[in-house]
Amino acid sequence: MKLKQRMVVLCAVLLLLGLAKIFLLDGGEGSAASRRDLRAFRKMEAGLSLSRGARLTHTLQSPWEIASQWVGPREVYPEETPELAAVLTALSAARIERADVGYKGTQLKALLVLDGGQKVVFKPKRYNRDYVVEGEPYAGYDRHNAEVAAFHLDRILGFRRAPLVVGRYINLRTEIKPVATDQLLSTFLMQGNNTCFYGKCYYCRESEPACAEGEIMEGSLTLWLPDVWPLQKHRHPWGRTYREGKLARWEYDESYCDAVKKMPPYDAGPRLLDVIDTAIFDYLIGNADRHHYESFQDDGGASMLILLDNAKSFGNAALDERSILAPLYQCCMVRVSTWNRLNLLRGGALSSAMRQALAFDPIHPVLAEPHLAALDRRLSGVIATVKQCMEAQGPDNTLIEDRMNLPHP
C-alpha cells in the first residue's frame, strides 16, 4: 500500500476512534469508564430520597461522630451513606446548647453549638422563594435555601465535596435567647411583632436585620467540618475584582489558563480539575461569588476543593452568567467522570433529581420552579461548552481521566 493511502487509512482510523470516544462518553454505556460511572449514578439515584424523622438504630455512635468519620481528603461524605437521613434529621432537631455571632465573613450568620458539642453555622431566611435578586450576579444577601439546594446538587453530581446542610425552623425566644452570648443578644430587636437580629459581620447593620415571623425563624444549618481537618484558604484563580472598571486578568486574557497551569497547586495533581468541576457547579446554581475557596491544610495540592459558602446562589433564575464557566471554556478540559454524570442528567433528569432530593427537607419547597428549570437549561449550556472544546481540540485533550482516591488516615 502506498504511503499516501496508508496515511488516509490511519487518519480514518483515528477519526473513528475519536468519534467512538465521544459516543461512549456522551451518554453511552460501552466503555469501562461509562459503565463504572453509570453504576455510581444508579447508586446515587437509589439513595436520593431520604426519610423524614429517620433515627440511628444500629449504633451507639452519635450522628456527629458518624459524619466526622465520613470525611476524607477527597470527600466530605462517602458514595453510600445509609445514615445520611438520620444525621440530617438530628441536625434539624437537636437541642441548641449555645448561640453566638458568626465566626467571620461579610454576611449575617450565627454560630450554634448543638447537643453533644457539634458546631453548626445558621444562616437566616432573607427572601421569599419567588424573590428575584436583581443587579450583579453576586448581589444581594445570602440565601439560606441556596445552601440546602447546593448540598443536594453536590450529592446528585457525585462530587461529595459540600458540607452537610439542612433547613430548620428555630424559635428565637425559647431556643436562641436563653443560650445566646451577650454579643449576640445585643443585636436583637423587634420590628412590630417580629423578633429580629443583625449579628456581627462586615455588612451587618442594625438597619438591615433578619426577622422571624413572630418568634419562628427559618434558616439553614451547615455542619461544621471536624477540627481534625483544619482548613486552608486560597484565592480563587478566576476570582473577580469587585471593582467597577477594573477587570481581572482572566476576563480579558483568553490564554490565562496556560499561566494558571504553571502555578502550584494547579501545575500538578487534581486541583485544577477541581476548580473546573466547581465552575460547573457554580454555573448551575448561579454562584458568581467564589472569590476564595478552602482545602484541607498541608495537603500538597491533593485535597479536594471544598464547596463551602454556596449561599450567593439561586438569586435570579433568568440569569445565566456565562463568565462563571471561564475555567471550563478557557482550559477546555473536564474530568471524564464529571462529563459522564452531566450526560446522565440531561433531558430534565437533573431537575427531577433535585425535586426528589429536596422533598425531604423541613423547609420544603426549597426552590421555586423557575430555579429548577434553570438547572436543566444551564446544564445544556455546560454540555454545549464541552462539545465546543472537543470539536476544537479533540476529545482526548478535553476529557481527562482522573480518579484519584486517597485512603483515609
Protein backbone atom coordinates (compact mmCIF):
# COMPACT_ATOMS: atom_id res chain seq x y z
CA MET A 1 0.00 0.00 0.00
CA LYS A 2 1.34 3.38 -0.95
CA LEU A 3 2.32 5.83 1.77
CA LYS A 4 -0.46 8.25 0.81
CA GLN A 5 -3.09 5.50 1.08
CA ARG A 6 -1.68 4.40 4.43
CA MET A 7 -1.94 7.94 5.76
CA VAL A 8 -5.56 8.18 4.62
CA VAL A 9 -6.41 4.90 6.36
CA LEU A 10 -4.60 5.96 9.51
CA CYS A 11 -6.46 9.28 9.62
CA ALA A 12 -9.77 7.46 9.12
CA VAL A 13 -8.99 5.09 12.00
CA LEU A 14 -8.05 7.95 14.30
CA LEU A 15 -11.24 9.79 13.37
CA LEU A 16 -13.34 6.71 14.13
CA LEU A 17 -11.61 6.25 17.49
CA GLY A 18 -12.28 9.88 18.37
CA LEU A 19 -15.93 9.58 17.39
CA ALA A 20 -16.20 6.37 19.37
CA LYS A 21 -14.85 8.07 22.47
CA ILE A 22 -17.33 10.91 22.10
CA PHE A 23 -20.16 8.41 21.66
CA LEU A 24 -19.17 6.28 24.62
CA LEU A 25 -18.76 9.25 26.91
CA ASP A 26 -21.77 11.15 25.62
CA GLY A 27 -24.32 9.10 27.50
CA GLY A 28 -23.23 5.76 26.04
CA GLU A 29 -22.57 2.68 28.15
CA GLY A 30 -19.92 0.88 26.12
CA SER A 31 -16.68 1.95 27.83
CA ALA A 32 -15.40 0.78 31.19
CA ALA A 33 -15.45 4.38 32.41
CA SER A 34 -19.04 4.80 31.33
CA ARG A 35 -20.13 1.56 32.97
CA ARG A 36 -18.38 2.49 36.21
CA ASP A 37 -19.92 5.95 36.20
CA LEU A 38 -23.34 4.54 35.36
CA ARG A 39 -23.16 2.23 38.39
CA ALA A 40 -22.25 5.21 40.58
CA PHE A 41 -25.17 7.16 39.10
CA ARG A 42 -27.60 4.36 39.87
CA LYS A 43 -26.35 4.24 43.46
CA MET A 44 -26.94 7.98 43.75
CA GLU A 45 -30.46 7.59 42.38
CA ALA A 46 -31.24 4.77 44.79
CA GLY A 47 -30.16 6.83 47.80
CA LEU A 48 -31.59 10.15 46.69
CA SER A 49 -34.88 10.04 48.60
CA LEU A 50 -34.40 10.49 52.33
CA SER A 51 -36.84 9.55 55.07
CA ARG A 52 -38.10 12.30 57.32
CA GLY A 53 -37.68 11.61 61.00
CA ALA A 54 -35.02 8.91 60.46
CA ARG A 55 -33.11 7.79 63.54
CA LEU A 56 -29.89 5.90 64.17
CA THR A 57 -30.81 2.46 65.48
CA HIS A 58 -27.83 0.23 64.78
CA THR A 59 -25.01 2.11 66.52
CA LEU A 60 -24.10 3.72 69.81
CA GLN A 61 -22.26 6.49 67.97
CA SER A 62 -23.75 9.96 67.79
CA PRO A 63 -24.78 11.43 64.42
CA TRP A 64 -21.86 13.85 64.74
CA GLU A 65 -19.34 11.04 65.22
CA ILE A 66 -20.64 9.23 62.17
CA ALA A 67 -20.48 12.33 59.98
CA SER A 68 -16.99 13.12 61.25
CA GLN A 69 -15.76 9.67 60.25
CA TRP A 70 -17.05 10.17 56.72
CA VAL A 71 -14.62 13.00 55.96
CA GLY A 72 -11.51 12.22 53.92
CA PRO A 73 -9.04 14.10 51.72
CA ARG A 74 -11.27 13.79 48.66
CA GLU A 75 -14.79 13.64 50.09
CA VAL A 76 -16.95 15.08 52.86
CA TYR A 77 -19.22 12.04 52.80
CA PRO A 78 -18.86 8.69 51.01
CA GLU A 79 -20.73 7.39 48.00
CA GLU A 80 -23.07 5.27 50.10
CA THR A 81 -24.42 6.88 53.28
CA PRO A 82 -27.40 4.96 54.69
CA GLU A 83 -27.18 7.10 57.84
CA LEU A 84 -27.47 10.42 55.96
CA ALA A 85 -31.19 10.90 56.63
CA ALA A 86 -30.66 10.29 60.35
CA VAL A 87 -27.75 12.73 60.53
CA LEU A 88 -29.72 15.45 58.73
CA THR A 89 -32.75 14.79 60.94
CA ALA A 90 -30.58 15.21 64.03
CA LEU A 91 -29.19 18.42 62.57
CA SER A 92 -32.70 19.76 62.09
CA ALA A 93 -33.95 18.89 65.56
CA ALA A 94 -31.09 18.70 68.08
CA ARG A 95 -31.25 20.98 71.12
CA ILE A 96 -29.21 24.19 70.82
CA GLU A 97 -26.71 24.49 73.68
CA ARG A 98 -25.09 27.80 72.76
CA ALA A 99 -25.56 30.63 70.26
CA ASP A 100 -23.01 33.26 69.27
CA VAL A 101 -22.32 35.71 66.47
CA GLY A 102 -20.94 34.33 63.22
CA TYR A 103 -17.30 33.38 63.16
CA LYS A 104 -16.24 35.71 60.32
CA GLY A 105 -17.20 36.91 56.85
CA THR A 106 -19.28 39.55 55.14
CA GLN A 107 -22.77 38.11 55.59
CA LEU A 108 -25.08 37.59 58.58
CA LYS A 109 -24.84 34.21 60.26
CA ALA A 110 -24.82 32.75 63.76
CA LEU A 111 -22.58 30.08 65.23
CA LEU A 112 -24.59 27.49 67.14
CA VAL A 113 -23.49 24.55 69.28
CA LEU A 114 -25.90 21.62 69.29
CA ASP A 115 -26.44 18.94 71.89
CA GLY A 116 -23.27 16.86 72.06
CA GLY A 117 -20.98 19.79 71.25
CA GLN A 118 -21.46 19.87 67.48
CA LYS A 119 -20.85 23.28 65.91
CA VAL A 120 -23.08 24.45 63.05
CA VAL A 121 -23.50 27.64 61.04
CA PHE A 122 -27.01 29.12 60.96
CA LYS A 123 -27.98 31.35 58.03
CA PRO A 124 -31.36 33.08 58.41
CA LYS A 125 -34.04 33.50 55.78
CA ARG A 126 -33.84 36.83 53.98
CA TYR A 127 -36.04 36.38 50.91
CA ASN A 128 -39.21 34.58 49.93
CA ARG A 129 -38.73 31.76 47.42
CA ASP A 130 -40.01 33.74 44.44
CA TYR A 131 -37.91 36.84 45.12
CA VAL A 132 -35.62 37.80 42.22
CA VAL A 133 -32.24 39.31 43.14
CA GLU A 134 -31.51 41.96 40.53
CA GLY A 135 -28.19 43.58 39.67
CA GLU A 136 -24.75 41.98 39.62
CA PRO A 137 -24.68 38.17 39.68
CA TYR A 138 -23.18 38.32 43.18
CA ALA A 139 -25.66 40.89 44.53
CA GLY A 140 -27.98 40.54 47.50
CA TYR A 141 -27.99 38.85 50.88
CA ASP A 142 -27.07 35.22 51.40
CA ARG A 143 -29.89 32.82 50.54
CA HIS A 144 -30.31 30.14 53.21
CA ASN A 145 -32.31 27.87 50.89
CA ALA A 146 -29.46 28.05 48.36
CA GLU A 147 -27.18 26.34 50.89
CA VAL A 148 -29.68 23.48 51.21
CA ALA A 149 -30.16 23.13 47.45
CA ALA A 150 -26.42 23.32 46.73
CA PHE A 151 -25.70 20.47 49.15
CA HIS A 152 -28.17 18.20 47.39
CA LEU A 153 -26.85 19.19 43.96
CA ASP A 154 -23.40 18.17 45.22
CA ARG A 155 -24.89 14.74 46.02
CA ILE A 156 -26.51 14.47 42.59
CA LEU A 157 -23.33 15.46 40.71
CA GLY A 158 -21.34 12.90 42.69
CA PHE A 159 -18.74 15.43 43.84
CA ARG A 160 -19.40 14.89 47.59
CA ARG A 161 -17.37 17.99 48.50
CA ALA A 162 -20.04 20.12 50.21
CA PRO A 163 -20.62 20.03 53.99
CA LEU A 164 -23.97 18.68 55.12
CA VAL A 165 -26.81 21.24 55.17
CA VAL A 166 -30.43 21.07 56.27
CA GLY A 167 -33.23 23.60 56.67
CA ARG A 168 -34.62 24.31 60.12
CA TYR A 169 -37.23 26.41 61.90
CA ILE A 170 -35.93 27.92 65.15
CA ASN A 171 -37.86 29.62 67.94
CA LEU A 172 -35.67 32.62 68.74
CA ARG A 173 -37.32 33.21 72.14
CA THR A 174 -37.09 29.66 73.51
CA GLU A 175 -34.15 28.14 71.58
CA ILE A 176 -31.70 31.01 71.00
CA LYS A 177 -32.09 33.80 73.55
CA PRO A 178 -31.68 31.63 76.70
CA VAL A 179 -28.33 30.27 75.43
CA ALA A 180 -27.07 33.29 73.46
CA THR A 181 -23.89 35.18 74.25
CA ASP A 182 -24.17 38.81 75.30
CA GLN A 183 -22.63 39.83 71.99
CA LEU A 184 -25.37 38.09 70.00
CA LEU A 185 -28.15 39.22 72.36
CA SER A 186 -27.11 42.84 71.96
CA THR A 187 -28.07 42.63 68.24
CA PHE A 188 -31.68 41.51 68.86
CA LEU A 189 -34.54 43.93 68.27
CA MET A 190 -38.24 43.97 67.48
CA GLN A 191 -39.91 45.11 64.28
CA GLY A 192 -43.61 45.14 65.02
CA ASN A 193 -44.40 41.68 66.38
CA ASN A 194 -41.37 40.07 64.74
CA THR A 195 -38.14 39.21 66.55
CA CYS A 196 -35.04 40.19 64.56
CA PHE A 197 -31.25 40.18 64.89
CA TYR A 198 -28.44 41.66 62.86
CA GLY A 199 -25.39 39.87 64.29
CA LYS A 200 -21.83 40.86 63.60
CA CYS A 201 -20.18 40.79 60.19
CA TYR A 202 -18.67 43.14 57.61
CA TYR A 203 -22.01 44.11 56.10
CA CYS A 204 -24.17 43.59 59.21
CA ARG A 205 -26.22 46.69 60.06
CA GLU A 206 -28.85 47.40 62.71
CA SER A 207 -30.94 48.89 59.91
CA GLU A 208 -30.87 45.59 57.96
CA PRO A 209 -31.71 42.78 60.41
CA ALA A 210 -33.06 39.34 59.57
CA CYS A 211 -36.53 38.93 61.02
CA ALA A 212 -38.55 35.94 62.11
CA GLU A 213 -42.26 35.54 61.57
CA GLY A 214 -43.19 36.31 65.12
CA GLU A 215 -40.62 34.27 67.02
CA ILE A 216 -40.10 31.49 64.45
CA MET A 217 -37.15 31.99 62.10
CA GLU A 218 -36.49 29.84 59.05
CA GLY A 219 -32.87 29.18 58.14
CA SER A 220 -30.23 26.66 57.16
CA LEU A 221 -27.77 24.75 59.33
CA THR A 222 -24.40 23.75 57.91
CA LEU A 223 -22.49 21.06 59.76
CA TRP A 224 -19.05 22.26 60.87
CA LEU A 225 -16.22 20.15 59.46
CA PRO A 226 -14.23 18.19 62.08
CA ASP A 227 -11.44 20.10 63.83
CA VAL A 228 -9.01 17.32 62.89
CA TRP A 229 -9.36 18.57 59.31
CA PRO A 230 -8.20 22.22 59.55
CA LEU A 231 -8.90 24.35 56.51
CA GLN A 232 -6.60 26.40 54.33
CA LYS A 233 -7.96 29.37 52.40
CA HIS A 234 -6.88 30.11 48.82
CA ARG A 235 -7.57 32.96 46.45
CA HIS A 236 -9.56 31.63 43.52
CA PRO A 237 -7.51 32.00 40.31
CA TRP A 238 -10.68 33.06 38.49
CA GLY A 239 -11.85 35.45 41.21
CA ARG A 240 -13.44 38.80 40.39
CA THR A 241 -12.00 42.19 41.34
CA TYR A 242 -15.36 43.54 42.62
CA ARG A 243 -14.15 46.97 41.46
CA GLU A 244 -16.02 48.86 38.80
CA GLY A 245 -13.94 49.42 35.69
CA LYS A 246 -11.17 47.01 36.76
CA LEU A 247 -11.09 43.58 35.15
CA ALA A 248 -9.29 40.52 36.45
CA ARG A 249 -6.74 39.06 34.04
CA TRP A 250 -8.94 36.08 33.16
CA GLU A 251 -11.66 38.46 31.97
CA TYR A 252 -9.53 39.78 29.08
CA ASP A 253 -6.78 37.17 28.55
CA GLU A 254 -8.16 34.08 26.80
CA SER A 255 -4.82 32.29 27.32
CA TYR A 256 -5.00 32.84 31.08
CA CYS A 257 -5.37 29.12 31.81
CA ASP A 258 -1.89 28.49 30.38
CA ALA A 259 -0.49 30.76 33.10
CA VAL A 260 -2.56 29.06 35.81
CA LYS A 261 -1.23 25.65 34.77
CA LYS A 262 2.29 26.80 35.63
CA MET A 263 1.38 27.82 39.21
CA PRO A 264 1.19 25.43 42.16
CA PRO A 265 -1.08 23.73 43.13
CA TYR A 266 -2.57 23.85 39.62
CA ASP A 267 0.55 22.59 37.86
CA ALA A 268 0.08 19.04 39.16
CA GLY A 269 -2.48 16.92 40.96
CA PRO A 270 -6.27 17.25 40.94
CA ARG A 271 -6.74 20.88 41.97
CA LEU A 272 -7.24 22.43 38.51
CA LEU A 273 -9.83 19.79 37.62
CA ASP A 274 -11.50 20.54 40.96
CA VAL A 275 -11.66 24.22 40.00
CA ILE A 276 -13.31 23.26 36.71
CA ASP A 277 -15.80 20.96 38.49
CA THR A 278 -16.56 23.86 40.83
CA ALA A 279 -17.10 26.22 37.90
CA ILE A 280 -19.71 23.82 36.52
CA PHE A 281 -21.33 23.51 39.94
CA ASP A 282 -21.37 27.29 40.41
CA TYR A 283 -22.76 27.93 36.93
CA LEU A 284 -25.62 25.54 37.56
CA ILE A 285 -26.57 27.28 40.82
CA GLY A 286 -25.79 30.81 39.59
CA ASN A 287 -22.99 31.47 42.09
CA ALA A 288 -20.64 34.18 40.80
CA ASP A 289 -19.17 34.94 44.23
CA ARG A 290 -16.47 32.28 44.76
CA HIS A 291 -13.57 34.70 45.20
CA HIS A 292 -11.77 32.31 47.58
CA TYR A 293 -12.02 28.62 48.32
CA GLU A 294 -10.91 26.21 51.03
CA SER A 295 -8.99 22.95 51.02
CA PHE A 296 -7.56 20.95 53.87
CA GLN A 297 -4.24 22.17 55.26
CA ASP A 298 -0.84 20.70 54.38
CA ASP A 299 -2.33 18.66 51.59
CA GLY A 300 0.35 19.19 48.96
CA GLY A 301 -2.39 20.06 46.48
CA ALA A 302 -4.09 16.66 46.83
CA SER A 303 -7.05 17.79 48.92
CA MET A 304 -10.37 18.44 47.30
CA LEU A 305 -11.64 21.95 46.76
CA ILE A 306 -14.34 22.09 49.44
CA LEU A 307 -17.66 23.53 48.31
CA LEU A 308 -18.25 25.90 51.22
CA ASP A 309 -20.42 29.03 51.29
CA ASN A 310 -22.87 28.50 48.44
CA ALA A 311 -25.48 31.00 49.64
CA LYS A 312 -24.97 33.56 46.86
CA SER A 313 -26.85 31.21 44.55
CA PHE A 314 -30.33 30.76 43.10
CA GLY A 315 -30.91 34.51 43.12
CA ASN A 316 -32.12 35.06 39.56
CA ALA A 317 -33.42 32.09 37.60
CA ALA A 318 -33.44 34.07 34.35
CA LEU A 319 -29.74 34.97 34.52
CA ASP A 320 -27.20 32.50 33.12
CA GLU A 321 -23.87 34.14 33.99
CA ARG A 322 -21.55 32.51 31.45
CA SER A 323 -18.40 34.07 32.94
CA ILE A 324 -18.71 31.60 35.83
CA LEU A 325 -17.71 28.89 33.34
CA ALA A 326 -14.42 30.62 32.44
CA PRO A 327 -12.22 27.87 33.95
CA LEU A 328 -14.02 25.34 31.73
CA TYR A 329 -14.02 27.21 28.43
CA GLN A 330 -10.53 28.70 28.88
CA CYS A 331 -8.84 25.45 29.96
CA CYS A 332 -11.08 23.29 27.77
CA MET A 333 -10.75 20.22 29.97
CA VAL A 334 -13.04 18.31 32.28
CA ARG A 335 -12.99 15.03 34.18
CA VAL A 336 -14.36 12.00 32.33
CA SER A 337 -16.46 11.15 35.40
CA THR A 338 -17.93 14.65 35.50
CA TRP A 339 -18.72 14.56 31.79
CA ASN A 340 -20.43 11.19 32.12
CA ARG A 341 -22.51 12.36 35.08
CA LEU A 342 -23.61 15.52 33.26
CA ASN A 343 -24.80 13.47 30.31
CA LEU A 344 -26.78 11.15 32.56
CA LEU A 345 -28.59 14.21 33.96
CA ARG A 346 -29.79 15.56 30.60
CA GLY A 347 -33.37 15.77 29.43
CA GLY A 348 -34.85 17.02 32.68
CA ALA A 349 -33.23 14.35 34.86
CA LEU A 350 -31.33 16.99 36.86
CA SER A 351 -34.38 18.98 37.94
CA SER A 352 -36.26 15.75 38.60
CA ALA A 353 -33.47 14.51 40.87
CA MET A 354 -33.40 17.84 42.71
CA ARG A 355 -37.14 17.72 43.33
CA GLN A 356 -36.76 14.23 44.74
CA ALA A 357 -33.82 15.12 46.99
CA LEU A 358 -35.29 18.38 48.29
CA ALA A 359 -38.68 16.86 49.17
CA PHE A 360 -37.11 15.57 52.42
CA ASP A 361 -36.05 18.92 53.78
CA PRO A 362 -38.02 20.53 56.64
CA ILE A 363 -38.25 23.85 54.75
CA HIS A 364 -39.67 22.22 51.60
CA PRO A 365 -40.28 23.61 48.99
CA VAL A 366 -36.64 24.65 48.96
CA LEU A 367 -36.59 26.16 45.44
CA ALA A 368 -39.19 27.84 43.28
CA GLU A 369 -39.93 26.07 39.99
CA PRO A 370 -38.10 28.63 37.79
CA HIS A 371 -34.84 27.75 39.55
CA LEU A 372 -35.35 24.05 38.89
CA ALA A 373 -36.00 24.76 35.21
CA ALA A 374 -32.84 26.92 35.17
CA LEU A 375 -30.76 23.93 36.28
CA ASP A 376 -31.76 21.95 33.18
CA ARG A 377 -31.21 24.93 30.90
CA ARG A 378 -27.78 25.68 32.33
CA LEU A 379 -26.79 22.02 32.14
CA SER A 380 -27.41 22.16 28.39
CA GLY A 381 -25.08 25.16 28.27
CA VAL A 382 -22.33 23.28 30.09
CA ILE A 383 -22.61 20.28 27.77
CA ALA A 384 -22.53 22.55 24.71
CA THR A 385 -19.37 24.21 26.03
CA VAL A 386 -17.59 20.88 26.48
CA LYS A 387 -18.63 19.79 22.99
CA GLN A 388 -17.20 23.01 21.55
CA CYS A 389 -13.90 22.20 23.24
CA MET A 390 -13.94 18.66 21.82
CA GLU A 391 -14.62 20.00 18.35
CA ALA A 392 -11.74 22.47 18.68
CA GLN A 393 -9.07 20.21 20.18
CA GLY A 394 -10.42 16.66 20.17
CA PRO A 395 -11.88 14.53 22.97
CA ASP A 396 -8.51 13.16 24.11
CA ASN A 397 -7.35 16.66 25.03
CA THR A 398 -10.66 17.64 26.60
CA LEU A 399 -11.83 14.62 28.62
CA ILE A 400 -9.33 13.86 31.37
CA GLU A 401 -9.23 10.59 33.25
CA ASP A 402 -8.65 11.49 36.90
CA ARG A 403 -9.99 9.19 39.61
CA MET A 404 -7.69 9.98 42.49
CA ASN A 405 -8.80 8.04 45.56
CA LEU A 406 -6.72 8.76 48.63
CA PRO A 407 -7.04 6.41 51.64
CA HIS A 408 -8.39 7.79 54.87
CA PRO A 409 -5.68 8.29 57.51
